[in-house]
C-alpha atoms as a PDB file:
ATOM      1  CA  UNK A   1      -0.027   0.187   0.295  1.00  0.00           C
ATOM      2  CA  UNK A   2       1.528   3.346  -0.938  1.00  0.00           C
ATOM      3  CA  UNK A   3       0.695   6.662   1.133  1.00  0.00           C
ATOM      4  CA  UNK A   4      -0.165   9.846  -0.368  1.00  0.00           C
ATOM      5  CA  UNK A   5       1.721  12.673   0.689  1.00  0.00           C
ATOM      6  CA  UNK A   6      -0.449  16.008   1.140  1.00  0.00           C
ATOM      7  CA  UNK A   7       1.610  19.287   0.210  1.00  0.00           C
ATOM      8  CA  UNK A   8       1.284  20.410   3.648  1.00  0.00           C
ATOM      9  CA  UNK A   9       0.828  18.684   7.556  1.00  0.00           C
ATOM     10  CA  UNK A  10       0.956  20.793  10.876  1.00  0.00           C
ATOM     11  CA  UNK A  11       1.430  18.490  13.965  1.00  0.00           C
ATOM     12  CA  UNK A  12       0.993  20.372  17.012  1.00  0.00           C
ATOM     13  CA  UNK A  13       1.494  18.690  20.606  1.00  0.00           C
ATOM     14  CA  UNK A  14       1.592  20.776  23.950  1.00  0.00           C
ATOM     15  CA  UNK A  15       2.168  20.189  27.456  1.00  0.00           C
ATOM     16  CA  UNK A  16       2.628  22.143  30.963  1.00  0.00           C
ATOM     17  CA  UNK A  17       5.408  21.880  33.050  1.00  0.00           C
ATOM     18  CA  UNK A  18       6.108  22.651  36.469  1.00  0.00           C
ATOM     19  CA  UNK A  19       9.261  24.808  35.322  1.00  0.00           C
ATOM     20  CA  UNK A  20      10.192  28.456  34.280  1.00  0.00           C
ATOM     21  CA  UNK A  21      10.182  29.158  30.510  1.00  0.00           C
ATOM     22  CA  UNK A  22      14.125  29.571  30.785  1.00  0.00           C
ATOM     23  CA  UNK A  23      14.668  26.013  32.128  1.00  0.00           C
ATOM     24  CA  UNK A  24      12.485  24.478  29.079  1.00  0.00           C
ATOM     25  CA  UNK A  25      14.342  26.805  26.854  1.00  0.00           C
ATOM     26  CA  UNK A  26      17.986  25.520  27.893  1.00  0.00           C
ATOM     27  CA  UNK A  27      16.702  21.887  26.930  1.00  0.00           C
ATOM     28  CA  UNK A  28      16.605  22.724  23.180  1.00  0.00           C
ATOM     29  CA  UNK A  29      19.550  24.954  23.310  1.00  0.00           C
ATOM     30  CA  UNK A  30      22.407  23.228  25.515  1.00  0.00           C
ATOM     31  CA  UNK A  31      23.793  20.155  23.681  1.00  0.00           C
ATOM     32  CA  UNK A  32      23.729  17.684  26.767  1.00  0.00           C
ATOM     33  CA  UNK A  33      20.180  18.844  28.113  1.00  0.00           C
ATOM     34  CA  UNK A  34      18.933  18.403  24.413  1.00  0.00           C
ATOM     35  CA  UNK A  35      20.658  14.993  24.443  1.00  0.00           C
ATOM     36  CA  UNK A  36      18.683  13.937  27.244  1.00  0.00           C
ATOM     37  CA  UNK A  37      15.439  14.219  25.970  1.00  0.00           C
ATOM     38  CA  UNK A  38      16.235  13.670  22.576  1.00  0.00           C
ATOM     39  CA  UNK A  39      17.181  10.452  23.105  1.00  0.00           C
ATOM     40  CA  UNK A  40      20.401  10.911  21.006  1.00  0.00           C
ATOM     41  CA  UNK A  41      24.231   9.533  21.618  1.00  0.00           C
ATOM     42  CA  UNK A  42      25.617  12.923  23.555  1.00  0.00           C
ATOM     43  CA  UNK A  43      28.710  12.714  22.257  1.00  0.00           C
ATOM     44  CA  UNK A  44      27.375  13.035  18.737  1.00  0.00           C
ATOM     45  CA  UNK A  45      24.597  15.784  19.340  1.00  0.00           C
ATOM     46  CA  UNK A  46      25.771  19.361  18.281  1.00  0.00           C
ATOM     47  CA  UNK A  47      23.235  22.846  19.242  1.00  0.00           C
ATOM     48  CA  UNK A  48      24.546  25.713  17.642  1.00  0.00           C
ATOM     49  CA  UNK A  49      22.097  27.937  19.479  1.00  0.00           C
ATOM     50  CA  UNK A  50      22.233  31.487  16.991  1.00  0.00           C
ATOM     51  CA  UNK A  51      20.272  32.387  14.178  1.00  0.00           C
ATOM     52  CA  UNK A  52      21.908  30.240  11.369  1.00  0.00           C
ATOM     53  CA  UNK A  53      22.951  27.855  13.976  1.00  0.00           C
ATOM     54  CA  UNK A  54      22.824  24.305  13.163  1.00  0.00           C
ATOM     55  CA  UNK A  55      21.710  21.264  15.414  1.00  0.00           C
ATOM     56  CA  UNK A  56      22.508  18.333  14.587  1.00  0.00           C
ATOM     57  CA  UNK A  57      21.546  14.851  16.875  1.00  0.00           C
ATOM     58  CA  UNK A  58      22.147  10.916  16.257  1.00  0.00           C
ATOM     59  CA  UNK A  59      19.646   8.391  17.528  1.00  0.00           C
ATOM     60  CA  UNK A  60      20.282   4.491  17.742  1.00  0.00           C
ATOM     61  CA  UNK A  61      17.024   3.239  17.184  1.00  0.00           C
ATOM     62  CA  UNK A  62      16.759  -0.971  17.709  1.00  0.00           C
ATOM     63  CA  UNK A  63      20.244  -1.372  16.436  1.00  0.00           C
ATOM     64  CA  UNK A  64      20.104   1.693  13.609  1.00  0.00           C
ATOM     65  CA  UNK A  65      21.618   4.836  13.776  1.00  0.00           C
ATOM     66  CA  UNK A  66      19.236   8.078  13.327  1.00  0.00           C
ATOM     67  CA  UNK A  67      20.181  11.124  11.881  1.00  0.00           C
ATOM     68  CA  UNK A  68      18.741  14.557  12.980  1.00  0.00           C
ATOM     69  CA  UNK A  69      19.342  18.045  12.184  1.00  0.00           C
ATOM     70  CA  UNK A  70      18.301  21.374  11.280  1.00  0.00           C
ATOM     71  CA  UNK A  71      19.197  25.594  11.715  1.00  0.00           C
ATOM     72  CA  UNK A  72      18.176  27.904  13.838  1.00  0.00           C
ATOM     73  CA  UNK A  73      15.744  30.449  11.915  1.00  0.00           C
ATOM     74  CA  UNK A  74      14.556  32.852  14.992  1.00  0.00           C
ATOM     75  CA  UNK A  75      15.618  32.935  18.727  1.00  0.00           C
ATOM     76  CA  UNK A  76      13.576  34.947  21.569  1.00  0.00           C
ATOM     77  CA  UNK A  77      14.655  33.862  24.993  1.00  0.00           C
ATOM     78  CA  UNK A  78      12.729  32.428  26.678  1.00  0.00           C
ATOM     79  CA  UNK A  79       9.548  32.042  24.831  1.00  0.00           C
ATOM     80  CA  UNK A  80      10.306  31.251  21.473  1.00  0.00           C
ATOM     81  CA  UNK A  81      12.343  29.187  18.990  1.00  0.00           C
ATOM     82  CA  UNK A  82      12.054  28.918  15.501  1.00  0.00           C
ATOM     83  CA  UNK A  83      14.427  26.030  13.489  1.00  0.00           C
ATOM     84  CA  UNK A  84      13.968  23.405  10.881  1.00  0.00           C
ATOM     85  CA  UNK A  85      13.508  19.655  11.930  1.00  0.00           C
ATOM     86  CA  UNK A  86      14.327  16.857   9.424  1.00  0.00           C
ATOM     87  CA  UNK A  87      16.243  13.259   8.997  1.00  0.00           C
ATOM     88  CA  UNK A  88      17.508  13.648   5.517  1.00  0.00           C
ATOM     89  CA  UNK A  89      20.765  15.359   5.296  1.00  0.00           C
ATOM     90  CA  UNK A  90      19.751  15.967   1.453  1.00  0.00           C
ATOM     91  CA  UNK A  91      16.898  18.248   2.703  1.00  0.00           C
ATOM     92  CA  UNK A  92      16.373  21.635   4.690  1.00  0.00           C
ATOM     93  CA  UNK A  93      13.930  19.914   6.967  1.00  0.00           C
ATOM     94  CA  UNK A  94      10.161  21.348   8.119  1.00  0.00           C
ATOM     95  CA  UNK A  95       9.619  24.445   9.999  1.00  0.00           C
ATOM     96  CA  UNK A  96       9.137  23.992  13.358  1.00  0.00           C
ATOM     97  CA  UNK A  97       8.037  26.017  16.275  1.00  0.00           C
ATOM     98  CA  UNK A  98       8.487  25.776  19.561  1.00  0.00           C
ATOM     99  CA  UNK A  99       6.382  28.643  21.878  1.00  0.00           C
ATOM    100  CA  UNK A 100       6.870  28.434  25.917  1.00  0.00           C
ATOM    101  CA  UNK A 101       4.178  30.166  27.776  1.00  0.00           C
ATOM    102  CA  UNK A 102       4.761  30.863  31.940  1.00  0.00           C
ATOM    103  CA  UNK A 103       2.153  31.636  33.679  1.00  0.00           C
ATOM    104  CA  UNK A 104       1.754  31.327  38.126  1.00  0.00           C
ATOM    105  CA  UNK A 105       5.289  29.124  37.996  1.00  0.00           C
ATOM    106  CA  UNK A 106       4.355  26.927  35.341  1.00  0.00           C
ATOM    107  CA  UNK A 107       5.081  26.942  31.470  1.00  0.00           C
ATOM    108  CA  UNK A 108       2.853  25.442  28.468  1.00  0.00           C
ATOM    109  CA  UNK A 109       5.301  24.472  25.757  1.00  0.00           C
ATOM    110  CA  UNK A 110       3.904  23.810  22.281  1.00  0.00           C
ATOM    111  CA  UNK A 111       5.853  22.331  19.737  1.00  0.00           C
ATOM    112  CA  UNK A 112       4.367  22.857  16.203  1.00  0.00           C
ATOM    113  CA  UNK A 113       5.945  21.066  13.050  1.00  0.00           C
ATOM    114  CA  UNK A 114       4.332  22.077   9.562  1.00  0.00           C
ATOM    115  CA  UNK A 115       5.583  20.392   6.396  1.00  0.00           C
ATOM    116  CA  UNK A 116       4.972  17.317   3.795  1.00  0.00           C
ATOM    117  CA  UNK A 117       4.680  14.355   5.441  1.00  0.00           C
ATOM    118  CA  UNK A 118       2.701  10.732   3.839  1.00  0.00           C
ATOM    119  CA  UNK A 119      -0.375  10.110   5.952  1.00  0.00           C
ATOM    120  CA  UNK A 120       0.606   7.037   7.530  1.00  0.00           C
ATOM    121  CA  UNK A 121       3.386   8.788   9.074  1.00  0.00           C
ATOM    122  CA  UNK A 122       1.407  11.900  11.068  1.00  0.00           C
ATOM    123  CA  UNK A 123       0.397   9.472  13.762  1.00  0.00           C
ATOM    124  CA  UNK A 124       3.671   8.383  14.875  1.00  0.00           C
ATOM    125  CA  UNK A 125       5.398  11.676  14.211  1.00  0.00           C
ATOM    126  CA  UNK A 126       2.754  12.745  16.578  1.00  0.00           C
ATOM    127  CA  UNK A 127       3.370  10.525  19.033  1.00  0.00           C
ATOM    128  CA  UNK A 128       7.003  10.933  19.020  1.00  0.00           C
ATOM    129  CA  UNK A 129       6.456  14.667  19.850  1.00  0.00           C
ATOM    130  CA  UNK A 130       4.620  13.391  22.910  1.00  0.00           C
ATOM    131  CA  UNK A 131       7.232  10.724  23.611  1.00  0.00           C
ATOM    132  CA  UNK A 132       9.828  13.921  23.553  1.00  0.00           C
ATOM    133  CA  UNK A 133       8.116  16.320  25.797  1.00  0.00           C
ATOM    134  CA  UNK A 134       7.401  13.663  28.841  1.00  0.00           C
ATOM    135  CA  UNK A 135      10.946  12.708  28.272  1.00  0.00           C
ATOM    136  CA  UNK A 136      11.152  16.437  29.319  1.00  0.00           C
ATOM    137  CA  UNK A 137       9.677  16.148  32.115  1.00  0.00           C
ATOM    138  CA  UNK A 138      12.444  14.367  33.632  1.00  0.00           C
ATOM    139  CA  UNK A 139      15.503  16.684  32.539  1.00  0.00           C
ATOM    140  CA  UNK A 140      13.470  19.844  34.330  1.00  0.00           C
END
């Protein structure tokens, strides 16, 4: 069975953390913290958190090496990051927006990924982002 690829799909996931926005922001900009929730090999995770800076992470999953990466496009510390996200080094990846809204000592983190994605990969991608947000819980 082949899956059609819509021109653009939007995946949005959110979670409220008992943490400051600045602490959650660092999970995205500090390579060691990023590797901690992303599940990547720490010594093969790089994060150059500046506009135009690249990020790269290598994950080992079921014995297979998976390479992810992208580029930071916008940084508004501690409330917003815009970067690209992809698993194909030959493409620019999909736009990814991370928004952090802090109120009353809690922060809601919302991740929005936009781009082409085969229909049969929408649910696994959404589950993947929820898994990442769950992993962030143990990092703050």
